[in-house]
Amino acid sequence: MAVTVYVCRICGESMILEGKPSRCPFCGAYDKYLVDSKEYDDTGDWDVELNETDKANAEKALVVEVSNALFYKCSAKKVKELMVKNYLRF
């Protein structure tokens, strides 16, 4: 069986498989939303008008995501430091 790259039109997840799955492994979308990557084109899919409430919500969500990224970056550094200290204990 040939390997194909499928893309979920709902969440954008890409997957390399030997056959089309029945559901997206990431979001659970049905197979009708999974397309061969050669046929995938999301040009224009994200051209939407947001009202002021939607814009405010999107900006708040972005702030949360950026702060999460900083938290995980700091946490990863701390874990490495702790792991090194624990490995060097005698």
N, C-alpha and C. Protein backbone atom coordinates (compact mmCIF):
# COMPACT_ATOMS: atom_id res chain seq x y z
N MET A 1 0.84 -1.18 0.00
CA MET A 1 0.00 0.00 0.00
C MET A 1 0.89 1.25 0.00
N ALA A 2 0.50 2.24 -0.74
CA ALA A 2 1.29 3.47 -0.86
C ALA A 2 1.07 4.38 0.35
N VAL A 3 2.12 5.06 0.72
CA VAL A 3 2.05 6.01 1.83
C VAL A 3 1.55 7.34 1.27
N THR A 4 0.60 7.94 1.98
CA THR A 4 0.02 9.22 1.56
C THR A 4 0.02 10.19 2.72
N VAL A 5 0.20 11.45 2.42
CA VAL A 5 0.08 12.49 3.45
C VAL A 5 -1.33 13.05 3.36
N TYR A 6 -2.08 12.91 4.45
CA TYR A 6 -3.43 13.45 4.53
C TYR A 6 -3.43 14.68 5.42
N VAL A 7 -4.33 15.60 5.14
CA VAL A 7 -4.48 16.81 5.94
C VAL A 7 -5.94 16.93 6.34
N CYS A 8 -6.17 17.26 7.61
CA CYS A 8 -7.53 17.47 8.11
C CYS A 8 -7.95 18.90 7.78
N ARG A 9 -9.08 19.04 7.10
CA ARG A 9 -9.57 20.37 6.74
C ARG A 9 -10.16 21.10 7.94
N ILE A 10 -10.39 20.41 9.04
CA ILE A 10 -10.95 21.04 10.23
C ILE A 10 -9.84 21.66 11.08
N CYS A 11 -8.82 20.86 11.43
CA CYS A 11 -7.79 21.36 12.35
C CYS A 11 -6.43 21.58 11.71
N GLY A 12 -6.22 21.09 10.47
CA GLY A 12 -4.94 21.28 9.80
C GLY A 12 -3.90 20.24 10.12
N GLU A 13 -4.23 19.26 10.95
CA GLU A 13 -3.29 18.19 11.30
C GLU A 13 -2.91 17.44 10.03
N SER A 14 -1.62 17.14 9.89
CA SER A 14 -1.17 16.33 8.76
C SER A 14 -0.70 14.98 9.29
N MET A 15 -0.91 13.95 8.49
CA MET A 15 -0.55 12.60 8.92
C MET A 15 -0.04 11.80 7.73
N ILE A 16 0.98 10.99 7.96
CA ILE A 16 1.55 10.14 6.92
C ILE A 16 1.08 8.72 7.21
N LEU A 17 0.27 8.18 6.29
CA LEU A 17 -0.36 6.88 6.54
C LEU A 17 -0.37 6.01 5.30
N GLU A 18 -0.59 4.72 5.52
CA GLU A 18 -0.71 3.77 4.42
C GLU A 18 -2.17 3.55 4.04
N GLY A 19 -3.02 4.42 4.37
CA GLY A 19 -4.43 4.32 4.04
C GLY A 19 -5.18 5.43 4.76
N LYS A 20 -6.29 5.82 4.20
CA LYS A 20 -7.04 6.93 4.78
C LYS A 20 -7.71 6.48 6.08
N PRO A 21 -7.49 7.22 7.17
CA PRO A 21 -8.13 6.86 8.43
C PRO A 21 -9.61 7.24 8.42
N SER A 22 -10.37 6.65 9.34
CA SER A 22 -11.79 6.98 9.42
C SER A 22 -12.03 8.29 10.16
N ARG A 23 -11.05 8.69 10.98
CA ARG A 23 -11.17 9.94 11.76
C ARG A 23 -9.81 10.60 11.85
N CYS A 24 -9.82 11.91 12.06
CA CYS A 24 -8.57 12.64 12.32
C CYS A 24 -8.08 12.24 13.70
N PRO A 25 -6.81 11.84 13.83
CA PRO A 25 -6.31 11.43 15.14
C PRO A 25 -6.18 12.59 16.14
N PHE A 26 -6.19 13.82 15.63
CA PHE A 26 -6.05 14.97 16.53
C PHE A 26 -7.39 15.51 16.99
N CYS A 27 -8.30 15.80 16.04
CA CYS A 27 -9.57 16.44 16.42
C CYS A 27 -10.78 15.53 16.30
N GLY A 28 -10.61 14.37 15.65
CA GLY A 28 -11.72 13.43 15.53
C GLY A 28 -12.65 13.67 14.36
N ALA A 29 -12.30 14.60 13.47
CA ALA A 29 -13.15 14.88 12.30
C ALA A 29 -13.29 13.62 11.45
N TYR A 30 -14.46 13.47 10.83
CA TYR A 30 -14.72 12.31 9.97
C TYR A 30 -13.87 12.33 8.71
N ASP A 31 -13.74 11.17 8.09
CA ASP A 31 -12.85 11.02 6.93
C ASP A 31 -13.19 11.92 5.75
N LYS A 32 -14.43 12.39 5.66
CA LYS A 32 -14.76 13.28 4.55
C LYS A 32 -14.01 14.61 4.63
N TYR A 33 -13.46 14.92 5.81
CA TYR A 33 -12.68 16.15 5.99
C TYR A 33 -11.17 15.91 5.85
N LEU A 34 -10.77 14.67 5.57
CA LEU A 34 -9.36 14.34 5.40
C LEU A 34 -9.06 14.26 3.91
N VAL A 35 -8.13 15.07 3.45
CA VAL A 35 -7.82 15.12 2.02
C VAL A 35 -6.34 14.86 1.79
N ASP A 36 -6.03 14.36 0.61
CA ASP A 36 -4.65 14.17 0.20
C ASP A 36 -3.97 15.54 0.21
N SER A 37 -2.76 15.60 0.73
CA SER A 37 -2.07 16.89 0.84
C SER A 37 -1.87 17.56 -0.51
N LYS A 38 -1.82 16.77 -1.58
CA LYS A 38 -1.66 17.35 -2.92
C LYS A 38 -2.91 18.14 -3.34
N GLU A 39 -4.05 17.79 -2.73
CA GLU A 39 -5.31 18.45 -3.06
C GLU A 39 -5.67 19.53 -2.04
N TYR A 40 -4.89 19.64 -0.98
CA TYR A 40 -5.23 20.56 0.11
C TYR A 40 -4.86 21.99 -0.24
N ASP A 41 -5.82 22.87 -0.15
CA ASP A 41 -5.59 24.29 -0.39
C ASP A 41 -6.51 25.07 0.54
N ASP A 42 -5.93 25.71 1.52
CA ASP A 42 -6.75 26.48 2.46
C ASP A 42 -6.73 27.98 2.16
N THR A 43 -6.32 28.32 0.95
CA THR A 43 -6.31 29.73 0.55
C THR A 43 -7.71 30.31 0.70
N GLY A 44 -7.81 31.36 1.45
CA GLY A 44 -9.10 32.02 1.64
C GLY A 44 -9.93 31.47 2.78
N ASP A 45 -9.57 30.29 3.31
CA ASP A 45 -10.35 29.71 4.41
C ASP A 45 -10.33 30.58 5.66
N TRP A 46 -9.29 31.38 5.81
CA TRP A 46 -9.13 32.17 7.03
C TRP A 46 -9.50 33.64 6.83
N ASP A 47 -10.06 33.97 5.69
CA ASP A 47 -10.50 35.34 5.42
C ASP A 47 -11.89 35.55 6.00
N VAL A 48 -11.93 35.93 7.26
CA VAL A 48 -13.21 36.15 7.94
C VAL A 48 -13.21 37.52 8.59
N GLU A 49 -14.38 38.08 8.73
CA GLU A 49 -14.53 39.36 9.42
C GLU A 49 -14.85 39.08 10.88
N LEU A 50 -14.10 39.68 11.78
CA LEU A 50 -14.33 39.53 13.21
C LEU A 50 -15.00 40.78 13.76
N ASN A 51 -15.99 40.57 14.62
CA ASN A 51 -16.57 41.73 15.29
C ASN A 51 -15.67 42.11 16.47
N GLU A 52 -15.98 43.17 17.16
CA GLU A 52 -15.12 43.66 18.24
C GLU A 52 -14.98 42.64 19.38
N THR A 53 -16.05 41.94 19.70
CA THR A 53 -15.99 40.91 20.76
C THR A 53 -15.06 39.79 20.35
N ASP A 54 -15.18 39.31 19.11
CA ASP A 54 -14.31 38.25 18.61
C ASP A 54 -12.84 38.69 18.62
N LYS A 55 -12.59 39.92 18.20
CA LYS A 55 -11.22 40.45 18.19
C LYS A 55 -10.65 40.49 19.60
N ALA A 56 -11.44 40.96 20.56
CA ALA A 56 -10.98 41.04 21.95
C ALA A 56 -10.70 39.65 22.49
N ASN A 57 -11.57 38.69 22.18
CA ASN A 57 -11.35 37.31 22.64
C ASN A 57 -10.10 36.71 22.03
N ALA A 58 -9.88 36.96 20.74
CA ALA A 58 -8.69 36.44 20.07
C ALA A 58 -7.42 37.04 20.66
N GLU A 59 -7.46 38.33 20.96
CA GLU A 59 -6.29 38.98 21.56
C GLU A 59 -6.00 38.42 22.95
N LYS A 60 -7.03 38.19 23.75
CA LYS A 60 -6.84 37.60 25.08
C LYS A 60 -6.27 36.19 24.96
N ALA A 61 -6.79 35.41 24.02
CA ALA A 61 -6.29 34.05 23.81
C ALA A 61 -4.82 34.06 23.40
N LEU A 62 -4.44 35.01 22.56
CA LEU A 62 -3.06 35.12 22.12
C LEU A 62 -2.14 35.45 23.30
N VAL A 63 -2.58 36.35 24.18
CA VAL A 63 -1.79 36.69 25.36
C VAL A 63 -1.59 35.45 26.23
N VAL A 64 -2.65 34.66 26.41
CA VAL A 64 -2.55 33.43 27.21
C VAL A 64 -1.56 32.47 26.57
N GLU A 65 -1.66 32.27 25.25
CA GLU A 65 -0.76 31.35 24.57
C GLU A 65 0.69 31.79 24.65
N VAL A 66 0.95 33.07 24.50
CA VAL A 66 2.33 33.58 24.61
C VAL A 66 2.86 33.36 26.02
N SER A 67 2.04 33.64 27.04
CA SER A 67 2.50 33.44 28.41
C SER A 67 2.71 31.95 28.69
N ASN A 68 1.89 31.08 28.09
CA ASN A 68 2.10 29.64 28.25
C ASN A 68 3.43 29.22 27.65
N ALA A 69 3.76 29.77 26.49
CA ALA A 69 5.02 29.43 25.84
C ALA A 69 6.20 29.86 26.71
N LEU A 70 6.11 31.03 27.30
CA LEU A 70 7.19 31.50 28.18
C LEU A 70 7.29 30.61 29.42
N PHE A 71 6.15 30.20 29.97
CA PHE A 71 6.14 29.31 31.14
C PHE A 71 6.83 27.99 30.81
N TYR A 72 6.47 27.38 29.67
CA TYR A 72 7.05 26.09 29.31
C TYR A 72 8.53 26.22 28.97
N LYS A 73 8.93 27.32 28.37
CA LYS A 73 10.35 27.53 28.07
C LYS A 73 11.14 27.61 29.38
N CYS A 74 10.62 28.37 30.33
CA CYS A 74 11.28 28.50 31.63
C CYS A 74 11.28 27.16 32.36
N SER A 75 10.17 26.45 32.32
CA SER A 75 10.06 25.15 32.98
C SER A 75 11.05 24.15 32.40
N ALA A 76 11.18 24.14 31.07
CA ALA A 76 12.11 23.22 30.42
C ALA A 76 13.54 23.51 30.86
N LYS A 77 13.89 24.77 30.97
CA LYS A 77 15.24 25.14 31.42
C LYS A 77 15.45 24.67 32.86
N LYS A 78 14.46 24.88 33.71
CA LYS A 78 14.57 24.50 35.11
C LYS A 78 14.70 22.99 35.26
N VAL A 79 13.92 22.25 34.48
CA VAL A 79 13.98 20.79 34.55
C VAL A 79 15.37 20.31 34.17
N LYS A 80 15.94 20.88 33.11
CA LYS A 80 17.29 20.48 32.70
C LYS A 80 18.28 20.75 33.83
N GLU A 81 18.16 21.91 34.48
CA GLU A 81 19.06 22.23 35.58
C GLU A 81 18.89 21.24 36.73
N LEU A 82 17.65 20.90 37.07
CA LEU A 82 17.40 19.95 38.15
C LEU A 82 17.90 18.56 37.80
N MET A 83 17.71 18.16 36.54
CA MET A 83 18.17 16.84 36.12
C MET A 83 19.68 16.75 36.21
N VAL A 84 20.38 17.80 35.79
CA VAL A 84 21.84 17.80 35.88
C VAL A 84 22.27 17.71 37.33
N LYS A 85 21.65 18.49 38.20
CA LYS A 85 22.00 18.45 39.63
C LYS A 85 21.76 17.07 40.21
N ASN A 86 20.63 16.44 39.85
CA ASN A 86 20.32 15.11 40.38
C ASN A 86 21.27 14.05 39.86
N TYR A 87 21.71 14.18 38.61
CA TYR A 87 22.65 13.21 38.05
C TYR A 87 24.03 13.34 38.69
N LEU A 88 24.38 14.53 39.11
CA LEU A 88 25.71 14.75 39.67
C LEU A 88 25.77 14.50 41.17
N ARG A 89 24.66 14.12 41.78
CA ARG A 89 24.67 13.82 43.22
C ARG A 89 25.43 12.53 43.49
N PHE A 90 26.18 12.54 44.59
CA PHE A 90 26.90 11.32 44.98
C PHE A 90 26.50 10.92 46.37
